[in-house]
Amino acid sequence: MKKSEIFCRVLDVVSECTEISKEKILSNSRIAEVVDARCITVYWLRQSGLPVRMIMQLCGFKTKGAVYYHSCLYNERIKIDKYFRNQALCVGQKVVSNGLVIGE
C-alpha cells in the first residue's frame, strides 16, 4: 500500500472516530478536541511506519519537532484522559483491523 494511501486511510479513521473533519485535523486549530485528534493521527501514522519527514509534510507541520511533540502529547494524554484514551483505542482498533500497522 502506498504511503499516501495509508495517510488518507488513517486520517479517515481518526475523523470518523473523533467526529472531527479531516480539514480541521490538518488545520492549525488549537481547540482541544482538534489537537487531540491531531495527536491521535500522528501517533497512528507513526505506528503505520510513515517516516517522520513525510508525516510532517502531509500534516502541514513546519518542523519534524511538531511530529515528536504530538507523539509525546499522545503518550501523556492517554495516561490521564479517559475520553482521549477511548477515542485513541477506537482509532487503534480500526487501524489495526484495516491492516495499516506494520508488523500486525
PDB file of N, CA and C in Angstrom:
ATOM      1  N   MET A   1       0.848  -1.179   0.000  1.00  0.00           N
ATOM      2  CA  MET A   1       0.000   0.000   0.000  1.00  0.00           C
ATOM      3  C   MET A   1       0.897   1.247   0.000  1.00  0.00           C
ATOM      4  N   LYS A   2       0.524   2.238  -0.779  1.00  0.00           N
ATOM      5  CA  LYS A   2       1.297   3.468  -0.871  1.00  0.00           C
ATOM      6  C   LYS A   2       1.192   4.258   0.430  1.00  0.00           C
ATOM      7  N   LYS A   3       2.249   5.005   0.723  1.00  0.00           N
ATOM      8  CA  LYS A   3       2.276   5.810   1.951  1.00  0.00           C
ATOM      9  C   LYS A   3       1.167   6.860   1.956  1.00  0.00           C
ATOM     10  N   SER A   4       0.899   7.455   0.812  1.00  0.00           N
ATOM     11  CA  SER A   4      -0.160   8.465   0.745  1.00  0.00           C
ATOM     12  C   SER A   4      -1.524   7.838   1.004  1.00  0.00           C
ATOM     13  N   GLU A   5      -1.698   6.594   0.591  1.00  0.00           N
ATOM     14  CA  GLU A   5      -2.953   5.881   0.849  1.00  0.00           C
ATOM     15  C   GLU A   5      -3.091   5.567   2.343  1.00  0.00           C
ATOM     16  N   ILE A   6      -2.002   5.166   2.969  1.00  0.00           N
ATOM     17  CA  ILE A   6      -2.020   4.920   4.415  1.00  0.00           C
ATOM     18  C   ILE A   6      -2.412   6.200   5.139  1.00  0.00           C
ATOM     19  N   PHE A   7      -1.796   7.306   4.737  1.00  0.00           N
ATOM     20  CA  PHE A   7      -2.110   8.598   5.353  1.00  0.00           C
ATOM     21  C   PHE A   7      -3.610   8.893   5.255  1.00  0.00           C
ATOM     22  N   CYS A   8      -4.163   8.755   4.068  1.00  0.00           N
ATOM     23  CA  CYS A   8      -5.592   9.058   3.858  1.00  0.00           C
ATOM     24  C   CYS A   8      -6.487   8.133   4.668  1.00  0.00           C
ATOM     25  N   ARG A   9      -6.142   6.859   4.724  1.00  0.00           N
ATOM     26  CA  ARG A   9      -6.981   5.907   5.461  1.00  0.00           C
ATOM     27  C   ARG A   9      -6.926   6.147   6.962  1.00  0.00           C
ATOM     28  N   VAL A  10      -5.729   6.437   7.492  1.00  0.00           N
ATOM     29  CA  VAL A  10      -5.625   6.743   8.927  1.00  0.00           C
ATOM     30  C   VAL A  10      -6.401   8.019   9.239  1.00  0.00           C
ATOM     31  N   LEU A  11      -6.246   9.025   8.408  1.00  0.00           N
ATOM     32  CA  LEU A  11      -6.969  10.283   8.609  1.00  0.00           C
ATOM     33  C   LEU A  11      -8.481  10.054   8.573  1.00  0.00           C
ATOM     34  N   ASP A  12      -8.944   9.216   7.657  1.00  0.00           N
ATOM     35  CA  ASP A  12     -10.371   8.880   7.586  1.00  0.00           C
ATOM     36  C   ASP A  12     -10.856   8.232   8.880  1.00  0.00           C
ATOM     37  N   VAL A  13     -10.074   7.294   9.402  1.00  0.00           N
ATOM     38  CA  VAL A  13     -10.456   6.588  10.631  1.00  0.00           C
ATOM     39  C   VAL A  13     -10.511   7.562  11.805  1.00  0.00           C
ATOM     40  N   VAL A  14      -9.508   8.418  11.927  1.00  0.00           N
ATOM     41  CA  VAL A  14      -9.489   9.385  13.032  1.00  0.00           C
ATOM     42  C   VAL A  14     -10.675  10.330  12.921  1.00  0.00           C
ATOM     43  N   SER A  15     -10.947  10.793  11.731  1.00  0.00           N
ATOM     44  CA  SER A  15     -12.071  11.699  11.522  1.00  0.00           C
ATOM     45  C   SER A  15     -13.391  11.024  11.897  1.00  0.00           C
ATOM     46  N   GLU A  16     -13.526   9.779  11.508  1.00  0.00           N
ATOM     47  CA  GLU A  16     -14.746   9.021  11.828  1.00  0.00           C
ATOM     48  C   GLU A  16     -14.909   8.813  13.333  1.00  0.00           C
ATOM     49  N   CYS A  17     -13.844   8.403  14.005  1.00  0.00           N
ATOM     50  CA  CYS A  17     -13.932   8.093  15.440  1.00  0.00           C
ATOM     51  C   CYS A  17     -14.080   9.341  16.301  1.00  0.00           C
ATOM     52  N   THR A  18     -13.446  10.432  15.900  1.00  0.00           N
ATOM     53  CA  THR A  18     -13.488  11.651  16.716  1.00  0.00           C
ATOM     54  C   THR A  18     -14.596  12.606  16.299  1.00  0.00           C
ATOM     55  N   GLU A  19     -15.190  12.341  15.130  1.00  0.00           N
ATOM     56  CA  GLU A  19     -16.227  13.205  14.560  1.00  0.00           C
ATOM     57  C   GLU A  19     -15.715  14.629  14.314  1.00  0.00           C
ATOM     58  N   ILE A  20     -14.445  14.698  13.932  1.00  0.00           N
ATOM     59  CA  ILE A  20     -13.815  15.974  13.569  1.00  0.00           C
ATOM     60  C   ILE A  20     -13.377  15.854  12.114  1.00  0.00           C
ATOM     61  N   SER A  21     -13.696  16.859  11.329  1.00  0.00           N
ATOM     62  CA  SER A  21     -13.401  16.790   9.898  1.00  0.00           C
ATOM     63  C   SER A  21     -11.901  16.694   9.644  1.00  0.00           C
ATOM     64  N   LYS A  22     -11.574  16.083   8.529  1.00  0.00           N
ATOM     65  CA  LYS A  22     -10.163  15.955   8.136  1.00  0.00           C
ATOM     66  C   LYS A  22      -9.527  17.323   7.967  1.00  0.00           C
ATOM     67  N   GLU A  23     -10.292  18.264   7.456  1.00  0.00           N
ATOM     68  CA  GLU A  23      -9.778  19.618   7.255  1.00  0.00           C
ATOM     69  C   GLU A  23      -9.386  20.250   8.593  1.00  0.00           C
ATOM     70  N   LYS A  24     -10.221  20.064   9.617  1.00  0.00           N
ATOM     71  CA  LYS A  24      -9.906  20.628  10.930  1.00  0.00           C
ATOM     72  C   LYS A  24      -8.692  19.946  11.540  1.00  0.00           C
ATOM     73  N   ILE A  25      -8.611  18.629  11.384  1.00  0.00           N
ATOM     74  CA  ILE A  25      -7.469  17.897  11.939  1.00  0.00           C
ATOM     75  C   ILE A  25      -6.172  18.427  11.341  1.00  0.00           C
ATOM     76  N   LEU A  26      -6.183  18.729  10.056  1.00  0.00           N
ATOM     77  CA  LEU A  26      -4.979  19.199   9.371  1.00  0.00           C
ATOM     78  C   LEU A  26      -4.790  20.710   9.460  1.00  0.00           C
ATOM     79  N   SER A  27      -5.717  21.391  10.133  1.00  0.00           N
ATOM     80  CA  SER A  27      -5.618  22.846  10.257  1.00  0.00           C
ATOM     81  C   SER A  27      -4.664  23.211  11.401  1.00  0.00           C
ATOM     82  N   ASN A  28      -4.526  24.496  11.635  1.00  0.00           N
ATOM     83  CA  ASN A  28      -3.702  24.989  12.745  1.00  0.00           C
ATOM     84  C   ASN A  28      -4.528  25.240  14.000  1.00  0.00           C
ATOM     85  N   SER A  29      -5.747  24.731  14.038  1.00  0.00           N
ATOM     86  CA  SER A  29      -6.643  24.961  15.168  1.00  0.00           C
ATOM     87  C   SER A  29      -6.017  24.491  16.478  1.00  0.00           C
ATOM     88  N   ARG A  30      -6.234  25.287  17.518  1.00  0.00           N
ATOM     89  CA  ARG A  30      -5.735  24.929  18.843  1.00  0.00           C
ATOM     90  C   ARG A  30      -6.865  24.520  19.779  1.00  0.00           C
ATOM     91  N   ILE A  31      -8.041  24.276  19.225  1.00  0.00           N
ATOM     92  CA  ILE A  31      -9.158  23.776  20.024  1.00  0.00           C
ATOM     93  C   ILE A  31      -8.772  22.390  20.528  1.00  0.00           C
ATOM     94  N   ALA A  32      -8.998  22.142  21.807  1.00  0.00           N
ATOM     95  CA  ALA A  32      -8.514  20.918  22.463  1.00  0.00           C
ATOM     96  C   ALA A  32      -8.903  19.650  21.720  1.00  0.00           C
ATOM     97  N   GLU A  33     -10.145  19.537  21.292  1.00  0.00           N
ATOM     98  CA  GLU A  33     -10.597  18.325  20.610  1.00  0.00           C
ATOM     99  C   GLU A  33      -9.877  18.122  19.279  1.00  0.00           C
ATOM    100  N   VAL A  34      -9.583  19.213  18.603  1.00  0.00           N
ATOM    101  CA  VAL A  34      -8.878  19.127  17.321  1.00  0.00           C
ATOM    102  C   VAL A  34      -7.425  18.717  17.558  1.00  0.00           C
ATOM    103  N   VAL A  35      -6.801  19.299  18.570  1.00  0.00           N
ATOM    104  CA  VAL A  35      -5.416  18.935  18.894  1.00  0.00           C
ATOM    105  C   VAL A  35      -5.350  17.460  19.291  1.00  0.00           C
ATOM    106  N   ASP A  36      -6.339  16.997  20.057  1.00  0.00           N
ATOM    107  CA  ASP A  36      -6.379  15.578  20.427  1.00  0.00           C
ATOM    108  C   ASP A  36      -6.465  14.695  19.185  1.00  0.00           C
ATOM    109  N   ALA A  37      -7.333  15.056  18.251  1.00  0.00           N
ATOM    110  CA  ALA A  37      -7.475  14.278  17.017  1.00  0.00           C
ATOM    111  C   ALA A  37      -6.172  14.289  16.223  1.00  0.00           C
ATOM    112  N   ARG A  38      -5.501  15.425  16.214  1.00  0.00           N
ATOM    113  CA  ARG A  38      -4.224  15.538  15.506  1.00  0.00           C
ATOM    114  C   ARG A  38      -3.172  14.643  16.160  1.00  0.00           C
ATOM    115  N   CYS A  39      -3.149  14.613  17.488  1.00  0.00           N
ATOM    116  CA  CYS A  39      -2.206  13.743  18.213  1.00  0.00           C
ATOM    117  C   CYS A  39      -2.443  12.275  17.879  1.00  0.00           C
ATOM    118  N   ILE A  40      -3.706  11.888  17.872  1.00  0.00           N
ATOM    119  CA  ILE A  40      -4.053  10.500  17.558  1.00  0.00           C
ATOM    120  C   ILE A  40      -3.632  10.176  16.121  1.00  0.00           C
ATOM    121  N   THR A  41      -3.860  11.109  15.223  1.00  0.00           N
ATOM    122  CA  THR A  41      -3.476  10.911  13.825  1.00  0.00           C
ATOM    123  C   THR A  41      -1.975  10.698  13.698  1.00  0.00           C
ATOM    124  N   VAL A  42      -1.199  11.576  14.310  1.00  0.00           N
ATOM    125  CA  VAL A  42       0.260  11.475  14.228  1.00  0.00           C
ATOM    126  C   VAL A  42       0.740  10.164  14.834  1.00  0.00           C
ATOM    127  N   TYR A  43       0.197   9.793  15.982  1.00  0.00           N
ATOM    128  CA  TYR A  43       0.608   8.548  16.637  1.00  0.00           C
ATOM    129  C   TYR A  43       0.396   7.352  15.704  1.00  0.00           C
ATOM    130  N   TRP A  44      -0.794   7.250  15.140  1.00  0.00           N
ATOM    131  CA  TRP A  44      -1.097   6.083  14.303  1.00  0.00           C
ATOM    132  C   TRP A  44      -0.388   6.135  12.953  1.00  0.00           C
ATOM    133  N   LEU A  45      -0.077   7.310  12.465  1.00  0.00           N
ATOM    134  CA  LEU A  45       0.745   7.393  11.255  1.00  0.00           C
ATOM    135  C   LEU A  45       2.143   6.861  11.536  1.00  0.00           C
ATOM    136  N   ARG A  46       2.669   7.189  12.706  1.00  0.00           N
ATOM    137  CA  ARG A  46       3.993   6.670  13.075  1.00  0.00           C
ATOM    138  C   ARG A  46       3.943   5.161  13.267  1.00  0.00           C
ATOM    139  N   GLN A  47       2.872   4.664  13.883  1.00  0.00           N
ATOM    140  CA  GLN A  47       2.721   3.221  14.076  1.00  0.00           C
ATOM    141  C   GLN A  47       2.567   2.498  12.742  1.00  0.00           C
ATOM    142  N   SER A  48       2.062   3.219  11.755  1.00  0.00           N
ATOM    143  CA  SER A  48       1.878   2.647  10.424  1.00  0.00           C
ATOM    144  C   SER A  48       3.168   2.634   9.612  1.00  0.00           C
ATOM    145  N   GLY A  49       4.223   3.181  10.180  1.00  0.00           N
ATOM    146  CA  GLY A  49       5.526   3.131   9.531  1.00  0.00           C
ATOM    147  C   GLY A  49       5.863   4.307   8.635  1.00  0.00           C
ATOM    148  N   LEU A  50       5.037   5.338   8.631  1.00  0.00           N
ATOM    149  CA  LEU A  50       5.370   6.506   7.810  1.00  0.00           C
ATOM    150  C   LEU A  50       6.555   7.247   8.416  1.00  0.00           C
ATOM    151  N   PRO A  51       7.480   7.677   7.586  1.00  0.00           N
ATOM    152  CA  PRO A  51       8.641   8.426   8.078  1.00  0.00           C
ATOM    153  C   PRO A  51       8.206   9.770   8.673  1.00  0.00           C
ATOM    154  N   VAL A  52       8.940  10.230   9.671  1.00  0.00           N
ATOM    155  CA  VAL A  52       8.622  11.482  10.348  1.00  0.00           C
ATOM    156  C   VAL A  52       8.553  12.638   9.353  1.00  0.00           C
ATOM    157  N   ARG A  53       9.495  12.701   8.450  1.00  0.00           N
ATOM    158  CA  ARG A  53       9.508  13.804   7.480  1.00  0.00           C
ATOM    159  C   ARG A  53       8.250  13.788   6.612  1.00  0.00           C
ATOM    160  N   MET A  54       7.777  12.618   6.232  1.00  0.00           N
ATOM    161  CA  MET A  54       6.563  12.533   5.424  1.00  0.00           C
ATOM    162  C   MET A  54       5.338  12.957   6.233  1.00  0.00           C
ATOM    163  N   ILE A  55       5.271  12.533   7.492  1.00  0.00           N
ATOM    164  CA  ILE A  55       4.164  12.952   8.357  1.00  0.00           C
ATOM    165  C   ILE A  55       4.169  14.470   8.481  1.00  0.00           C
ATOM    166  N   MET A  56       5.350  15.030   8.671  1.00  0.00           N
ATOM    167  CA  MET A  56       5.488  16.482   8.779  1.00  0.00           C
ATOM    168  C   MET A  56       4.916  17.163   7.537  1.00  0.00           C
ATOM    169  N   GLN A  57       5.290  16.683   6.390  1.00  0.00           N
ATOM    170  CA  GLN A  57       4.841  17.300   5.142  1.00  0.00           C
ATOM    171  C   GLN A  57       3.344  17.117   4.918  1.00  0.00           C
ATOM    172  N   LEU A  58       2.839  15.910   5.128  1.00  0.00           N
ATOM    173  CA  LEU A  58       1.432  15.632   4.872  1.00  0.00           C
ATOM    174  C   LEU A  58       0.497  16.338   5.854  1.00  0.00           C
ATOM    175  N   CYS A  59       0.966  16.516   7.089  1.00  0.00           N
ATOM    176  CA  CYS A  59       0.144  17.191   8.105  1.00  0.00           C
ATOM    177  C   CYS A  59       0.319  18.707   8.072  1.00  0.00           C
ATOM    178  N   GLY A  60       1.279  19.182   7.296  1.00  0.00           N
ATOM    179  CA  GLY A  60       1.497  20.619   7.182  1.00  0.00           C
ATOM    180  C   GLY A  60       2.279  21.220   8.334  1.00  0.00           C
ATOM    181  N   PHE A  61       3.056  20.389   9.032  1.00  0.00           N
ATOM    182  CA  PHE A  61       3.893  20.897  10.112  1.00  0.00           C
ATOM    183  C   PHE A  61       5.131  21.563   9.520  1.00  0.00           C
ATOM    184  N   LYS A  62       5.650  22.554  10.217  1.00  0.00           N
ATOM    185  CA  LYS A  62       6.817  23.275   9.716  1.00  0.00           C
ATOM    186  C   LYS A  62       8.132  22.587  10.083  1.00  0.00           C
ATOM    187  N   THR A  63       8.098  21.786  11.156  1.00  0.00           N
ATOM    188  CA  THR A  63       9.319  21.111  11.599  1.00  0.00           C
ATOM    189  C   THR A  63       9.019  19.672  11.989  1.00  0.00           C
ATOM    190  N   LYS A  64      10.094  18.858  12.017  1.00  0.00           N
ATOM    191  CA  LYS A  64       9.932  17.489  12.495  1.00  0.00           C
ATOM    192  C   LYS A  64       9.601  17.479  13.984  1.00  0.00           C
ATOM    193  N   GLY A  65      10.030  18.524  14.676  1.00  0.00           N
ATOM    194  CA  GLY A  65       9.743  18.632  16.105  1.00  0.00           C
ATOM    195  C   GLY A  65       8.253  18.606  16.416  1.00  0.00           C
ATOM    196  N   ALA A  66       7.450  19.118  15.495  1.00  0.00           N
ATOM    197  CA  ALA A  66       5.996  19.106  15.698  1.00  0.00           C
ATOM    198  C   ALA A  66       5.465  17.679  15.721  1.00  0.00           C
ATOM    199  N   VAL A  67       6.046  16.817  14.909  1.00  0.00           N
ATOM    200  CA  VAL A  67       5.642  15.408  14.907  1.00  0.00           C
ATOM    201  C   VAL A  67       6.006  14.780  16.247  1.00  0.00           C
ATOM    202  N   TYR A  68       7.215  15.048  16.722  1.00  0.00           N
ATOM    203  CA  TYR A  68       7.643  14.498  18.013  1.00  0.00           C
ATOM    204  C   TYR A  68       6.798  15.069  19.153  1.00  0.00           C
ATOM    205  N   TYR A  69       6.463  16.339  19.081  1.00  0.00           N
ATOM    206  CA  TYR A  69       5.625  16.978  20.101  1.00  0.00           C
ATOM    207  C   TYR A  69       4.267  16.271  20.189  1.00  0.00           C
ATOM    208  N   HIS A  70       3.630  16.049  19.047  1.00  0.00           N
ATOM    209  CA  HIS A  70       2.317  15.400  19.054  1.00  0.00           C
ATOM    210  C   HIS A  70       2.420  13.955  19.541  1.00  0.00           C
ATOM    211  N   SER A  71       3.514  13.283  19.237  1.00  0.00           N
ATOM    212  CA  SER A  71       3.716  11.917  19.731  1.00  0.00           C
ATOM    213  C   SER A  71       3.848  11.904  21.252  1.00  0.00           C
ATOM    214  N   CYS A  72       4.624  12.831  21.786  1.00  0.00           N
ATOM    215  CA  CYS A  72       4.793  12.918  23.243  1.00  0.00           C
ATOM    216  C   CYS A  72       3.483  13.306  23.924  1.00  0.00           C
ATOM    217  N   LEU A  73       2.764  14.239  23.304  1.00  0.00           N
ATOM    218  CA  LEU A  73       1.485  14.667  23.853  1.00  0.00           C
ATOM    219  C   LEU A  73       0.514  13.497  23.893  1.00  0.00           C
ATOM    220  N   TYR A  74       0.522  12.674  22.863  1.00  0.00           N
ATOM    221  CA  TYR A  74      -0.329  11.480  22.819  1.00  0.00           C
ATOM    222  C   TYR A  74      -0.015  10.584  24.021  1.00  0.00           C
ATOM    223  N   ASN A  75       1.268  10.327  24.233  1.00  0.00           N
ATOM    224  CA  ASN A  75       1.673   9.426  25.313  1.00  0.00           C
ATOM    225  C   ASN A  75       1.270   9.957  26.687  1.00  0.00           C
ATOM    226  N   GLU A  76       1.289  11.246  26.871  1.00  0.00           N
ATOM    227  CA  GLU A  76       0.875  11.832  28.144  1.00  0.00           C
ATOM    228  C   GLU A  76      -0.648  11.826  28.281  1.00  0.00           C
ATOM    229  N   ARG A  77      -1.346  12.206  27.230  1.00  0.00           N
ATOM    230  CA  ARG A  77      -2.810  12.310  27.283  1.00  0.00           C
ATOM    231  C   ARG A  77      -3.466  10.951  27.494  1.00  0.00           C
ATOM    232  N   ILE A  78      -2.892   9.918  26.902  1.00  0.00           N
ATOM    233  CA  ILE A  78      -3.510   8.596  27.010  1.00  0.00           C
ATOM    234  C   ILE A  78      -3.462   8.076  28.452  1.00  0.00           C
ATOM    235  N   LYS A  79      -2.493   8.560  29.219  1.00  0.00           N
ATOM    236  CA  LYS A  79      -2.361   8.139  30.619  1.00  0.00           C
ATOM    237  C   LYS A  79      -3.373   8.826  31.528  1.00  0.00           C
ATOM    238  N   ILE A  80      -3.745  10.065  31.200  1.00  0.00           N
ATOM    239  CA  ILE A  80      -4.521  10.856  32.158  1.00  0.00           C
ATOM    240  C   ILE A  80      -5.951  11.190  31.741  1.00  0.00           C
ATOM    241  N   ASP A  81      -6.286  11.015  30.481  1.00  0.00           N
ATOM    242  CA  ASP A  81      -7.599  11.443  29.995  1.00  0.00           C
ATOM    243  C   ASP A  81      -8.377  10.245  29.449  1.00  0.00           C
ATOM    244  N   LYS A  82      -9.419   9.846  30.163  1.00  0.00           N
ATOM    245  CA  LYS A  82     -10.187   8.661  29.794  1.00  0.00           C
ATOM    246  C   LYS A  82     -10.879   8.829  28.441  1.00  0.00           C
ATOM    247  N   TYR A  83     -11.441   9.999  28.173  1.00  0.00           N
ATOM    248  CA  TYR A  83     -12.121  10.232  26.902  1.00  0.00           C
ATOM    249  C   TYR A  83     -11.137  10.142  25.742  1.00  0.00           C
ATOM    250  N   PHE A  84      -9.979  10.760  25.903  1.00  0.00           N
ATOM    251  CA  PHE A  84      -8.925  10.682  24.885  1.00  0.00           C
ATOM    252  C   PHE A  84      -8.528   9.228  24.663  1.00  0.00           C
ATOM    253  N   ARG A  85      -8.338   8.486  25.751  1.00  0.00           N
ATOM    254  CA  ARG A  85      -7.937   7.081  25.662  1.00  0.00           C
ATOM    255  C   ARG A  85      -8.972   6.269  24.886  1.00  0.00           C
ATOM    256  N   ASN A  86     -10.255   6.511  25.140  1.00  0.00           N
ATOM    257  CA  ASN A  86     -11.311   5.783  24.441  1.00  0.00           C
ATOM    258  C   ASN A  86     -11.300   6.082  22.943  1.00  0.00           C
ATOM    259  N   GLN A  87     -11.101   7.353  22.595  1.00  0.00           N
ATOM    260  CA  GLN A  87     -11.013   7.709  21.177  1.00  0.00           C
ATOM    261  C   GLN A  87      -9.793   7.058  20.531  1.00  0.00           C
ATOM    262  N   ALA A  88      -8.674   7.107  21.224  1.00  0.00           N
ATOM    263  CA  ALA A  88      -7.440   6.526  20.694  1.00  0.00           C
ATOM    264  C   ALA A  88      -7.587   5.016  20.501  1.00  0.00           C
ATOM    265  N   LEU A  89      -8.263   4.354  21.430  1.00  0.00           N
ATOM    266  CA  LEU A  89      -8.477   2.913  21.305  1.00  0.00           C
ATOM    267  C   LEU A  89      -9.406   2.589  20.139  1.00  0.00           C
ATOM    268  N   CYS A  90     -10.433   3.399  19.946  1.00  0.00           N
ATOM    269  CA  CYS A  90     -11.337   3.227  18.805  1.00  0.00           C
ATOM    270  C   CYS A  90     -10.545   3.323  17.503  1.00  0.00           C
ATOM    271  N   VAL A  91      -9.732   4.348  17.397  1.00  0.00           N
ATOM    272  CA  VAL A  91      -8.907   4.527  16.195  1.00  0.00           C
ATOM    273  C   VAL A  91      -7.957   3.350  16.043  1.00  0.00           C
ATOM    274  N   GLY A  92      -7.300   2.976  17.135  1.00  0.00           N
ATOM    275  CA  GLY A  92      -6.331   1.881  17.095  1.00  0.00           C
ATOM    276  C   GLY A  92      -6.935   0.578  16.606  1.00  0.00           C
ATOM    277  N   GLN A  93      -8.116   0.255  17.095  1.00  0.00           N
ATOM    278  CA  GLN A  93      -8.779  -0.981  16.678  1.00  0.00           C
ATOM    279  C   GLN A  93      -9.069  -0.967  15.182  1.00  0.00           C
ATOM    280  N   LYS A  94      -9.540   0.169  14.682  1.00  0.00           N
ATOM    281  CA  LYS A  94      -9.873   0.262  13.254  1.00  0.00           C
ATOM    282  C   LYS A  94      -8.623   0.272  12.380  1.00  0.00           C
ATOM    283  N   VAL A  95      -7.583   0.940  12.842  1.00  0.00           N
ATOM    284  CA  VAL A  95      -6.337   0.992  12.079  1.00  0.00           C
ATOM    285  C   VAL A  95      -5.733  -0.409  11.987  1.00  0.00           C
ATOM    286  N   VAL A  96      -5.704  -1.124  13.103  1.00  0.00           N
ATOM    287  CA  VAL A  96      -5.139  -2.464  13.114  1.00  0.00           C
ATOM    288  C   VAL A  96      -5.998  -3.414  12.280  1.00  0.00           C
ATOM    289  N   SER A  97      -7.326  -3.327  12.431  1.00  0.00           N
ATOM    290  CA  SER A  97      -8.205  -4.234  11.685  1.00  0.00           C
ATOM    291  C   SER A  97      -8.141  -3.977  10.179  1.00  0.00           C
ATOM    292  N   ASN A  98      -7.777  -2.760   9.781  1.00  0.00           N
ATOM    293  CA  ASN A  98      -7.618  -2.432   8.365  1.00  0.00           C
ATOM    294  C   ASN A  98      -6.224  -2.761   7.838  1.00  0.00           C
ATOM    295  N   GLY A  99      -5.368  -3.326   8.710  1.00  0.00           N
ATOM    296  CA  GLY A  99      -4.040  -3.728   8.291  1.00  0.00           C
ATOM    297  C   GLY A  99      -3.102  -2.585   7.988  1.00  0.00           C
ATOM    298  N   LEU A 100      -3.291  -1.463   8.687  1.00  0.00           N
ATOM    299  CA  LEU A 100      -2.477  -0.282   8.416  1.00  0.00           C
ATOM    300  C   LEU A 100      -1.242  -0.181   9.291  1.00  0.00           C
ATOM    301  N   VAL A 101      -1.060  -1.121  10.219  1.00  0.00           N
ATOM    302  CA  VAL A 101       0.081  -1.069  11.130  1.00  0.00           C
ATOM    303  C   VAL A 101       1.097  -2.125  10.703  1.00  0.00           C
ATOM    304  N   ILE A 102       2.332  -1.691  10.579  1.00  0.00           N
ATOM    305  CA  ILE A 102       3.410  -2.609  10.195  1.00  0.00           C
ATOM    306  C   ILE A 102       3.608  -3.638  11.289  1.00  0.00           C
ATOM    307  N   GLY A 103       3.756  -4.898  10.908  1.00  0.00           N
ATOM    308  CA  GLY A 103       4.010  -5.961  11.865  1.00  0.00           C
ATOM    309  C   GLY A 103       2.753  -6.563  12.457  1.00  0.00           C
ATOM    310  N   GLU A 104       1.594  -6.077  12.046  1.00  0.00           N
ATOM    311  CA  GLU A 104       0.335  -6.627  12.569  1.00  0.00           C
ATOM    312  C   GLU A 104      -0.205  -7.647  11.595  1.00  0.00           C
TER     313      GLU A 104
END
